[in-house]
Amino acid sequence: MSPVFWALLCAEGIGSLISAVLFGLDKIRAKRRMRRIRERTLLLATWLFGAPGALVGLAVFRHKTQHPVFVISAAAAFFLQAGLLVASAVLLKQ
């Protein structure tokens, strides 16, 4: 595999961890009626290589599942990011 593939995979892992933590933290803050994380921040974390983590956060914490923008955005970002990984693996073979 190419170095680009491994760099993208690492970015995906780190971004997913951050995204999942943000969704969990926002759920905790919502329950405690504390200041929330902006929806813009959650969506940005999703699109910046955090789609798998966002999907995990949606499912595990059952948070933001009633908002179609989050469900559709996380799914679209996931497929885009997965396609980017596959394309980097296939096109940049060394």
PDB file of N, CA and C in Angstrom:
ATOM      1  N   MET A   1       0.828  -1.187   0.000  1.00  0.00           N
ATOM      2  CA  MET A   1       0.000   0.000   0.000  1.00  0.00           C
ATOM      3  C   MET A   1       0.874   1.252   0.000  1.00  0.00           C
ATOM      4  N   SER A   2       0.340   2.289  -0.561  1.00  0.00           N
ATOM      5  CA  SER A   2       1.108   3.525  -0.687  1.00  0.00           C
ATOM      6  C   SER A   2       1.102   4.314   0.624  1.00  0.00           C
ATOM      7  N   PRO A   3       2.075   5.186   0.791  1.00  0.00           N
ATOM      8  CA  PRO A   3       2.106   6.042   1.979  1.00  0.00           C
ATOM      9  C   PRO A   3       0.873   6.946   2.071  1.00  0.00           C
ATOM     10  N   VAL A   4       0.321   7.323   0.925  1.00  0.00           N
ATOM     11  CA  VAL A   4      -0.884   8.161   0.925  1.00  0.00           C
ATOM     12  C   VAL A   4      -2.042   7.392   1.563  1.00  0.00           C
ATOM     13  N   PHE A   5      -2.156   6.111   1.226  1.00  0.00           N
ATOM     14  CA  PHE A   5      -3.212   5.283   1.812  1.00  0.00           C
ATOM     15  C   PHE A   5      -3.083   5.246   3.330  1.00  0.00           C
ATOM     16  N   TRP A   6      -1.861   5.002   3.809  1.00  0.00           N
ATOM     17  CA  TRP A   6      -1.660   4.913   5.262  1.00  0.00           C
ATOM     18  C   TRP A   6      -1.904   6.252   5.948  1.00  0.00           C
ATOM     19  N   ALA A   7      -1.536   7.338   5.301  1.00  0.00           N
ATOM     20  CA  ALA A   7      -1.792   8.664   5.866  1.00  0.00           C
ATOM     21  C   ALA A   7      -3.296   8.923   5.949  1.00  0.00           C
ATOM     22  N   LEU A   8      -4.030   8.564   4.892  1.00  0.00           N
ATOM     23  CA  LEU A   8      -5.488   8.730   4.911  1.00  0.00           C
ATOM     24  C   LEU A   8      -6.129   7.838   5.963  1.00  0.00           C
ATOM     25  N   LEU A   9      -5.624   6.622   6.101  1.00  0.00           N
ATOM     26  CA  LEU A   9      -6.171   5.693   7.096  1.00  0.00           C
ATOM     27  C   LEU A   9      -5.940   6.214   8.513  1.00  0.00           C
ATOM     28  N   CYS A  10      -4.763   6.754   8.771  1.00  0.00           N
ATOM     29  CA  CYS A  10      -4.482   7.343  10.086  1.00  0.00           C
ATOM     30  C   CYS A  10      -5.368   8.563  10.343  1.00  0.00           C
ATOM     31  N   ALA A  11      -5.528   9.401   9.337  1.00  0.00           N
ATOM     32  CA  ALA A  11      -6.394  10.574   9.466  1.00  0.00           C
ATOM     33  C   ALA A  11      -7.832  10.140   9.748  1.00  0.00           C
ATOM     34  N   GLU A  12      -8.263   9.083   9.079  1.00  0.00           N
ATOM     35  CA  GLU A  12      -9.619   8.554   9.292  1.00  0.00           C
ATOM     36  C   GLU A  12      -9.783   8.044  10.725  1.00  0.00           C
ATOM     37  N   GLY A  13      -8.776   7.347  11.222  1.00  0.00           N
ATOM     38  CA  GLY A  13      -8.847   6.823  12.583  1.00  0.00           C
ATOM     39  C   GLY A  13      -8.885   7.922  13.632  1.00  0.00           C
ATOM     40  N   ILE A  14      -7.996   8.886  13.491  1.00  0.00           N
ATOM     41  CA  ILE A  14      -7.945   9.994  14.448  1.00  0.00           C
ATOM     42  C   ILE A  14      -9.203  10.849  14.353  1.00  0.00           C
ATOM     43  N   GLY A  15      -9.623  11.150  13.127  1.00  0.00           N
ATOM     44  CA  GLY A  15     -10.838  11.947  12.933  1.00  0.00           C
ATOM     45  C   GLY A  15     -12.072  11.246  13.476  1.00  0.00           C
ATOM     46  N   SER A  16     -12.134   9.938  13.300  1.00  0.00           N
ATOM     47  CA  SER A  16     -13.280   9.175  13.801  1.00  0.00           C
ATOM     48  C   SER A  16     -13.323   9.163  15.319  1.00  0.00           C
ATOM     49  N   LEU A  17     -12.162   9.027  15.938  1.00  0.00           N
ATOM     50  CA  LEU A  17     -12.108   9.063  17.394  1.00  0.00           C
ATOM     51  C   LEU A  17     -12.584  10.412  17.924  1.00  0.00           C
ATOM     52  N   ILE A  18     -12.102  11.476  17.316  1.00  0.00           N
ATOM     53  CA  ILE A  18     -12.511  12.821  17.731  1.00  0.00           C
ATOM     54  C   ILE A  18     -14.012  13.009  17.522  1.00  0.00           C
ATOM     55  N   SER A  19     -14.509  12.575  16.392  1.00  0.00           N
ATOM     56  CA  SER A  19     -15.920  12.734  16.076  1.00  0.00           C
ATOM     57  C   SER A  19     -16.809  11.966  17.062  1.00  0.00           C
ATOM     58  N   ALA A  20     -16.447  10.726  17.360  1.00  0.00           N
ATOM     59  CA  ALA A  20     -17.232   9.923  18.294  1.00  0.00           C
ATOM     60  C   ALA A  20     -17.233  10.550  19.690  1.00  0.00           C
ATOM     61  N   VAL A  21     -16.078  11.041  20.115  1.00  0.00           N
ATOM     62  CA  VAL A  21     -15.985  11.691  21.427  1.00  0.00           C
ATOM     63  C   VAL A  21     -16.851  12.950  21.463  1.00  0.00           C
ATOM     64  N   LEU A  22     -16.830  13.730  20.389  1.00  0.00           N
ATOM     65  CA  LEU A  22     -17.648  14.944  20.351  1.00  0.00           C
ATOM     66  C   LEU A  22     -19.142  14.619  20.448  1.00  0.00           C
ATOM     67  N   PHE A  23     -19.584  13.587  19.728  1.00  0.00           N
ATOM     68  CA  PHE A  23     -20.993  13.203  19.802  1.00  0.00           C
ATOM     69  C   PHE A  23     -21.357  12.735  21.218  1.00  0.00           C
ATOM     70  N   GLY A  24     -20.480  11.954  21.824  1.00  0.00           N
ATOM     71  CA  GLY A  24     -20.735  11.491  23.186  1.00  0.00           C
ATOM     72  C   GLY A  24     -20.746  12.627  24.184  1.00  0.00           C
ATOM     73  N   LEU A  25     -19.800  13.535  24.044  1.00  0.00           N
ATOM     74  CA  LEU A  25     -19.725  14.687  24.943  1.00  0.00           C
ATOM     75  C   LEU A  25     -20.957  15.573  24.797  1.00  0.00           C
ATOM     76  N   ASP A  26     -21.412  15.767  23.569  1.00  0.00           N
ATOM     77  CA  ASP A  26     -22.604  16.584  23.356  1.00  0.00           C
ATOM     78  C   ASP A  26     -23.827  15.918  23.970  1.00  0.00           C
ATOM     79  N   LYS A  27     -23.908  14.608  23.902  1.00  0.00           N
ATOM     80  CA  LYS A  27     -25.040  13.892  24.510  1.00  0.00           C
ATOM     81  C   LYS A  27     -25.025  14.075  26.029  1.00  0.00           C
ATOM     82  N   ILE A  28     -23.851  13.965  26.634  1.00  0.00           N
ATOM     83  CA  ILE A  28     -23.733  14.161  28.085  1.00  0.00           C
ATOM     84  C   ILE A  28     -24.134  15.578  28.459  1.00  0.00           C
ATOM     85  N   ARG A  29     -23.649  16.544  27.687  1.00  0.00           N
ATOM     86  CA  ARG A  29     -23.994  17.943  27.965  1.00  0.00           C
ATOM     87  C   ARG A  29     -25.478  18.204  27.776  1.00  0.00           C
ATOM     88  N   ALA A  30     -26.097  17.540  26.823  1.00  0.00           N
ATOM     89  CA  ALA A  30     -27.536  17.710  26.608  1.00  0.00           C
ATOM     90  C   ALA A  30     -28.320  17.182  27.808  1.00  0.00           C
ATOM     91  N   LYS A  31     -27.916  16.048  28.322  1.00  0.00           N
ATOM     92  CA  LYS A  31     -28.621  15.471  29.477  1.00  0.00           C
ATOM     93  C   LYS A  31     -28.471  16.341  30.721  1.00  0.00           C
ATOM     94  N   ARG A  32     -27.313  16.958  30.870  1.00  0.00           N
ATOM     95  CA  ARG A  32     -27.053  17.790  32.054  1.00  0.00           C
ATOM     96  C   ARG A  32     -27.464  19.239  31.863  1.00  0.00           C
ATOM     97  N   ARG A  33     -28.056  19.541  30.712  1.00  0.00           N
ATOM     98  CA  ARG A  33     -28.494  20.896  30.376  1.00  0.00           C
ATOM     99  C   ARG A  33     -27.352  21.906  30.460  1.00  0.00           C
ATOM    100  N   MET A  34     -26.199  21.475  29.960  1.00  0.00           N
ATOM    101  CA  MET A  34     -25.024  22.340  29.916  1.00  0.00           C
ATOM    102  C   MET A  34     -24.891  22.941  28.518  1.00  0.00           C
ATOM    103  N   ARG A  35     -23.909  23.804  28.363  1.00  0.00           N
ATOM    104  CA  ARG A  35     -23.642  24.413  27.059  1.00  0.00           C
ATOM    105  C   ARG A  35     -23.245  23.312  26.071  1.00  0.00           C
ATOM    106  N   ARG A  36     -23.892  23.319  24.907  1.00  0.00           N
ATOM    107  CA  ARG A  36     -23.736  22.248  23.933  1.00  0.00           C
ATOM    108  C   ARG A  36     -22.641  22.547  22.920  1.00  0.00           C
ATOM    109  N   ILE A  37     -22.238  21.493  22.220  1.00  0.00           N
ATOM    110  CA  ILE A  37     -21.301  21.624  21.111  1.00  0.00           C
ATOM    111  C   ILE A  37     -22.121  22.043  19.893  1.00  0.00           C
ATOM    112  N   ARG A  38     -21.634  23.008  19.139  1.00  0.00           N
ATOM    113  CA  ARG A  38     -22.382  23.501  17.981  1.00  0.00           C
ATOM    114  C   ARG A  38     -22.582  22.391  16.958  1.00  0.00           C
ATOM    115  N   GLU A  39     -23.738  22.420  16.319  1.00  0.00           N
ATOM    116  CA  GLU A  39     -24.016  21.444  15.270  1.00  0.00           C
ATOM    117  C   GLU A  39     -23.020  21.585  14.133  1.00  0.00           C
ATOM    118  N   ARG A  40     -22.607  22.791  13.859  1.00  0.00           N
ATOM    119  CA  ARG A  40     -21.613  23.041  12.815  1.00  0.00           C
ATOM    120  C   ARG A  40     -20.304  22.302  13.134  1.00  0.00           C
ATOM    121  N   THR A  41     -19.917  22.288  14.401  1.00  0.00           N
ATOM    122  CA  THR A  41     -18.700  21.599  14.819  1.00  0.00           C
ATOM    123  C   THR A  41     -18.841  20.094  14.643  1.00  0.00           C
ATOM    124  N   LEU A  42     -19.999  19.552  15.004  1.00  0.00           N
ATOM    125  CA  LEU A  42     -20.238  18.115  14.834  1.00  0.00           C
ATOM    126  C   LEU A  42     -20.195  17.727  13.358  1.00  0.00           C
ATOM    127  N   LEU A  43     -20.801  18.538  12.519  1.00  0.00           N
ATOM    128  CA  LEU A  43     -20.790  18.245  11.087  1.00  0.00           C
ATOM    129  C   LEU A  43     -19.391  18.406  10.491  1.00  0.00           C
ATOM    130  N   LEU A  44     -18.657  19.398  10.940  1.00  0.00           N
ATOM    131  CA  LEU A  44     -17.295  19.591  10.459  1.00  0.00           C
ATOM    132  C   LEU A  44     -16.413  18.399  10.852  1.00  0.00           C
ATOM    133  N   ALA A  45     -16.557  17.932  12.071  1.00  0.00           N
ATOM    134  CA  ALA A  45     -15.799  16.760  12.506  1.00  0.00           C
ATOM    135  C   ALA A  45     -16.170  15.531  11.681  1.00  0.00           C
ATOM    136  N   THR A  46     -17.434  15.435  11.302  1.00  0.00           N
ATOM    137  CA  THR A  46     -17.884  14.319  10.472  1.00  0.00           C
ATOM    138  C   THR A  46     -17.218  14.349   9.110  1.00  0.00           C
ATOM    139  N   TRP A  47     -17.182  15.516   8.486  1.00  0.00           N
ATOM    140  CA  TRP A  47     -16.642  15.622   7.127  1.00  0.00           C
ATOM    141  C   TRP A  47     -15.125  15.637   7.089  1.00  0.00           C
ATOM    142  N   LEU A  48     -14.456  15.981   8.186  1.00  0.00           N
ATOM    143  CA  LEU A  48     -12.994  15.973   8.213  1.00  0.00           C
ATOM    144  C   LEU A  48     -12.487  14.614   8.691  1.00  0.00           C
ATOM    145  N   PHE A  49     -12.726  13.606   7.890  1.00  0.00           N
ATOM    146  CA  PHE A  49     -12.280  12.237   8.129  1.00  0.00           C
ATOM    147  C   PHE A  49     -12.841  11.630   9.412  1.00  0.00           C
ATOM    148  N   GLY A  50     -14.046  12.040   9.816  1.00  0.00           N
ATOM    149  CA  GLY A  50     -14.622  11.502  11.028  1.00  0.00           C
ATOM    150  C   GLY A  50     -15.956  10.811  10.834  1.00  0.00           C
ATOM    151  N   ALA A  51     -16.281  10.422   9.610  1.00  0.00           N
ATOM    152  CA  ALA A  51     -17.594   9.829   9.348  1.00  0.00           C
ATOM    153  C   ALA A  51     -17.829   8.510  10.087  1.00  0.00           C
ATOM    154  N   PRO A  52     -16.866   7.580  10.114  1.00  0.00           N
ATOM    155  CA  PRO A  52     -17.126   6.344  10.869  1.00  0.00           C
ATOM    156  C   PRO A  52     -17.395   6.627  12.353  1.00  0.00           C
ATOM    157  N   GLY A  53     -16.649   7.550  12.925  1.00  0.00           N
ATOM    158  CA  GLY A  53     -16.870   7.915  14.325  1.00  0.00           C
ATOM    159  C   GLY A  53     -18.215   8.589  14.537  1.00  0.00           C
ATOM    160  N   ALA A  54     -18.626   9.388  13.576  1.00  0.00           N
ATOM    161  CA  ALA A  54     -19.939  10.035  13.668  1.00  0.00           C
ATOM    162  C   ALA A  54     -21.054   8.997  13.615  1.00  0.00           C
ATOM    163  N   LEU A  55     -20.912   8.016  12.738  1.00  0.00           N
ATOM    164  CA  LEU A  55     -21.916   6.952  12.667  1.00  0.00           C
ATOM    165  C   LEU A  55     -21.962   6.148  13.962  1.00  0.00           C
ATOM    166  N   VAL A  56     -20.792   5.908  14.530  1.00  0.00           N
ATOM    167  CA  VAL A  56     -20.744   5.208  15.828  1.00  0.00           C
ATOM    168  C   VAL A  56     -21.404   6.074  16.901  1.00  0.00           C
ATOM    169  N   GLY A  57     -21.094   7.366  16.890  1.00  0.00           N
ATOM    170  CA  GLY A  57     -21.701   8.278  17.865  1.00  0.00           C
ATOM    171  C   GLY A  57     -23.208   8.355  17.720  1.00  0.00           C
ATOM    172  N   LEU A  58     -23.687   8.360  16.497  1.00  0.00           N
ATOM    173  CA  LEU A  58     -25.132   8.369  16.260  1.00  0.00           C
ATOM    174  C   LEU A  58     -25.771   7.101  16.821  1.00  0.00           C
ATOM    175  N   ALA A  59     -25.140   5.962  16.581  1.00  0.00           N
ATOM    176  CA  ALA A  59     -25.730   4.683  16.976  1.00  0.00           C
ATOM    177  C   ALA A  59     -25.571   4.402  18.471  1.00  0.00           C
ATOM    178  N   VAL A  60     -24.370   4.556  18.988  1.00  0.00           N
ATOM    179  CA  VAL A  60     -24.092   4.192  20.381  1.00  0.00           C
ATOM    180  C   VAL A  60     -24.777   5.149  21.355  1.00  0.00           C
ATOM    181  N   PHE A  61     -24.643   6.424  21.104  1.00  0.00           N
ATOM    182  CA  PHE A  61     -25.201   7.416  22.023  1.00  0.00           C
ATOM    183  C   PHE A  61     -26.649   7.776  21.688  1.00  0.00           C
ATOM    184  N   ARG A  62     -27.153   7.256  20.556  1.00  0.00           N
ATOM    185  CA  ARG A  62     -28.491   7.598  20.069  1.00  0.00           C
ATOM    186  C   ARG A  62     -28.699   9.109  20.130  1.00  0.00           C
ATOM    187  N   HIS A  63     -27.732   9.789  19.555  1.00  0.00           N
ATOM    188  CA  HIS A  63     -27.715  11.247  19.614  1.00  0.00           C
ATOM    189  C   HIS A  63     -27.799  11.818  18.211  1.00  0.00           C
ATOM    190  N   LYS A  64     -28.682  12.759  18.006  1.00  0.00           N
ATOM    191  CA  LYS A  64     -28.899  13.444  16.733  1.00  0.00           C
ATOM    192  C   LYS A  64     -29.494  12.523  15.667  1.00  0.00           C
ATOM    193  N   THR A  65     -30.076  11.414  16.054  1.00  0.00           N
ATOM    194  CA  THR A  65     -30.646  10.492  15.077  1.00  0.00           C
ATOM    195  C   THR A  65     -31.968  10.995  14.513  1.00  0.00           C
ATOM    196  N   GLN A  66     -32.604  11.932  15.173  1.00  0.00           N
ATOM    197  CA  GLN A  66     -33.860  12.484  14.682  1.00  0.00           C
ATOM    198  C   GLN A  66     -33.637  13.662  13.735  1.00  0.00           C
ATOM    199  N   HIS A  67     -32.382  14.029  13.542  1.00  0.00           N
ATOM    200  CA  HIS A  67     -32.044  15.128  12.648  1.00  0.00           C
ATOM    201  C   HIS A  67     -31.531  14.547  11.335  1.00  0.00           C
ATOM    202  N   PRO A  68     -32.337  14.590  10.278  1.00  0.00           N
ATOM    203  CA  PRO A  68     -31.916  13.986   9.006  1.00  0.00           C
ATOM    204  C   PRO A  68     -30.593  14.525   8.473  1.00  0.00           C
ATOM    205  N   VAL A  69     -30.282  15.782   8.749  1.00  0.00           N
ATOM    206  CA  VAL A  69     -29.040  16.349   8.231  1.00  0.00           C
ATOM    207  C   VAL A  69     -27.832  15.585   8.785  1.00  0.00           C
ATOM    208  N   PHE A  70     -27.902  15.117  10.008  1.00  0.00           N
ATOM    209  CA  PHE A  70     -26.782  14.384  10.594  1.00  0.00           C
ATOM    210  C   PHE A  70     -26.691  12.973  10.036  1.00  0.00           C
ATOM    211  N   VAL A  71     -27.805  12.306   9.928  1.00  0.00           N
ATOM    212  CA  VAL A  71     -27.813  10.926   9.431  1.00  0.00           C
ATOM    213  C   VAL A  71     -27.364  10.892   7.970  1.00  0.00           C
ATOM    214  N   ILE A  72     -27.948  11.748   7.145  1.00  0.00           N
ATOM    215  CA  ILE A  72     -27.609  11.772   5.723  1.00  0.00           C
ATOM    216  C   ILE A  72     -26.175  12.244   5.518  1.00  0.00           C
ATOM    217  N   SER A  73     -25.775  13.264   6.246  1.00  0.00           N
ATOM    218  CA  SER A  73     -24.429  13.793   6.114  1.00  0.00           C
ATOM    219  C   SER A  73     -23.378  12.770   6.532  1.00  0.00           C
ATOM    220  N   ALA A  74     -23.615  12.076   7.634  1.00  0.00           N
ATOM    221  CA  ALA A  74     -22.660  11.063   8.097  1.00  0.00           C
ATOM    222  C   ALA A  74     -22.557   9.915   7.099  1.00  0.00           C
ATOM    223  N   ALA A  75     -23.688   9.491   6.556  1.00  0.00           N
ATOM    224  CA  ALA A  75     -23.670   8.411   5.568  1.00  0.00           C
ATOM    225  C   ALA A  75     -22.951   8.845   4.295  1.00  0.00           C
ATOM    226  N   ALA A  76     -23.251  10.040   3.813  1.00  0.00           N
ATOM    227  CA  ALA A  76     -22.610  10.544   2.591  1.00  0.00           C
ATOM    228  C   ALA A  76     -21.103  10.709   2.802  1.00  0.00           C
ATOM    229  N   ALA A  77     -20.717  11.258   3.946  1.00  0.00           N
ATOM    230  CA  ALA A  77     -19.297  11.438   4.235  1.00  0.00           C
ATOM    231  C   ALA A  77     -18.594  10.092   4.354  1.00  0.00           C
ATOM    232  N   PHE A  78     -19.265   9.118   4.935  1.00  0.00           N
ATOM    233  CA  PHE A  78     -18.676   7.782   5.066  1.00  0.00           C
ATOM    234  C   PHE A  78     -18.375   7.178   3.700  1.00  0.00           C
ATOM    235  N   PHE A  79     -19.349   7.227   2.800  1.00  0.00           N
ATOM    236  CA  PHE A  79     -19.131   6.649   1.476  1.00  0.00           C
ATOM    237  C   PHE A  79     -18.061   7.413   0.700  1.00  0.00           C
ATOM    238  N   LEU A  80     -18.029   8.713   0.840  1.00  0.00           N
ATOM    239  CA  LEU A  80     -17.004   9.510   0.180  1.00  0.00           C
ATOM    240  C   LEU A  80     -15.620   9.168   0.721  1.00  0.00           C
ATOM    241  N   GLN A  81     -15.500   9.076   2.034  1.00  0.00           N
ATOM    242  CA  GLN A  81     -14.213   8.782   2.646  1.00  0.00           C
ATOM    243  C   GLN A  81     -13.768   7.354   2.363  1.00  0.00           C
ATOM    244  N   ALA A  82     -14.707   6.415   2.349  1.00  0.00           N
ATOM    245  CA  ALA A  82     -14.370   5.034   1.998  1.00  0.00           C
ATOM    246  C   ALA A  82     -13.911   4.954   0.550  1.00  0.00           C
ATOM    247  N   GLY A  83     -14.585   5.674  -0.326  1.00  0.00           N
ATOM    248  CA  GLY A  83     -14.180   5.706  -1.726  1.00  0.00           C
ATOM    249  C   GLY A  83     -12.794   6.310  -1.903  1.00  0.00           C
ATOM    250  N   LEU A  84     -12.495   7.329  -1.123  1.00  0.00           N
ATOM    251  CA  LEU A  84     -11.176   7.951  -1.180  1.00  0.00           C
ATOM    252  C   LEU A  84     -10.095   6.964  -0.746  1.00  0.00           C
ATOM    253  N   LEU A  85     -10.373   6.191   0.301  1.00  0.00           N
ATOM    254  CA  LEU A  85      -9.415   5.178   0.750  1.00  0.00           C
ATOM    255  C   LEU A  85      -9.212   4.097  -0.306  1.00  0.00           C
ATOM    256  N   VAL A  86     -10.298   3.611  -0.874  1.00  0.00           N
ATOM    257  CA  VAL A  86     -10.202   2.568  -1.901  1.00  0.00           C
ATOM    258  C   VAL A  86      -9.453   3.104  -3.116  1.00  0.00           C
ATOM    259  N   ALA A  87      -9.788   4.312  -3.532  1.00  0.00           N
ATOM    260  CA  ALA A  87      -9.122   4.908  -4.692  1.00  0.00           C
ATOM    261  C   ALA A  87      -7.629   5.085  -4.438  1.00  0.00           C
ATOM    262  N   SER A  88      -7.261   5.490  -3.234  1.00  0.00           N
ATOM    263  CA  SER A  88      -5.836   5.666  -2.941  1.00  0.00           C
ATOM    264  C   SER A  88      -5.114   4.327  -2.913  1.00  0.00           C
ATOM    265  N   ALA A  89      -5.808   3.286  -2.474  1.00  0.00           N
ATOM    266  CA  ALA A  89      -5.192   1.955  -2.454  1.00  0.00           C
ATOM    267  C   ALA A  89      -5.030   1.394  -3.864  1.00  0.00           C
ATOM    268  N   VAL A  90      -6.004   1.621  -4.699  1.00  0.00           N
ATOM    269  CA  VAL A  90      -5.994   1.034  -6.051  1.00  0.00           C
ATOM    270  C   VAL A  90      -5.126   1.866  -7.009  1.00  0.00           C
ATOM    271  N   LEU A  91      -5.314   3.164  -6.992  1.00  0.00           N
ATOM    272  CA  LEU A  91      -4.645   4.014  -7.974  1.00  0.00           C
ATOM    273  C   LEU A  91      -3.185   4.301  -7.645  1.00  0.00           C
ATOM    274  N   LEU A  92      -2.834   4.260  -6.378  1.00  0.00           N
ATOM    275  CA  LEU A  92      -1.476   4.628  -5.992  1.00  0.00           C
ATOM    276  C   LEU A  92      -0.657   3.419  -5.537  1.00  0.00           C
ATOM    277  N   LYS A  93      -0.872   2.275  -6.153  1.00  0.00           N
ATOM    278  CA  LYS A  93      -0.087   1.085  -5.812  1.00  0.00           C
ATOM    279  C   LYS A  93       1.383   1.313  -6.116  1.00  0.00           C
ATOM    280  N   GLN A  94       2.203   0.843  -5.201  1.00  0.00           N
ATOM    281  CA  GLN A  94       3.643   0.959  -5.441  1.00  0.00           C
ATOM    282  C   GLN A  94       4.316  -0.360  -5.173  1.00  0.00           C
TER     283      GLN A  94
END
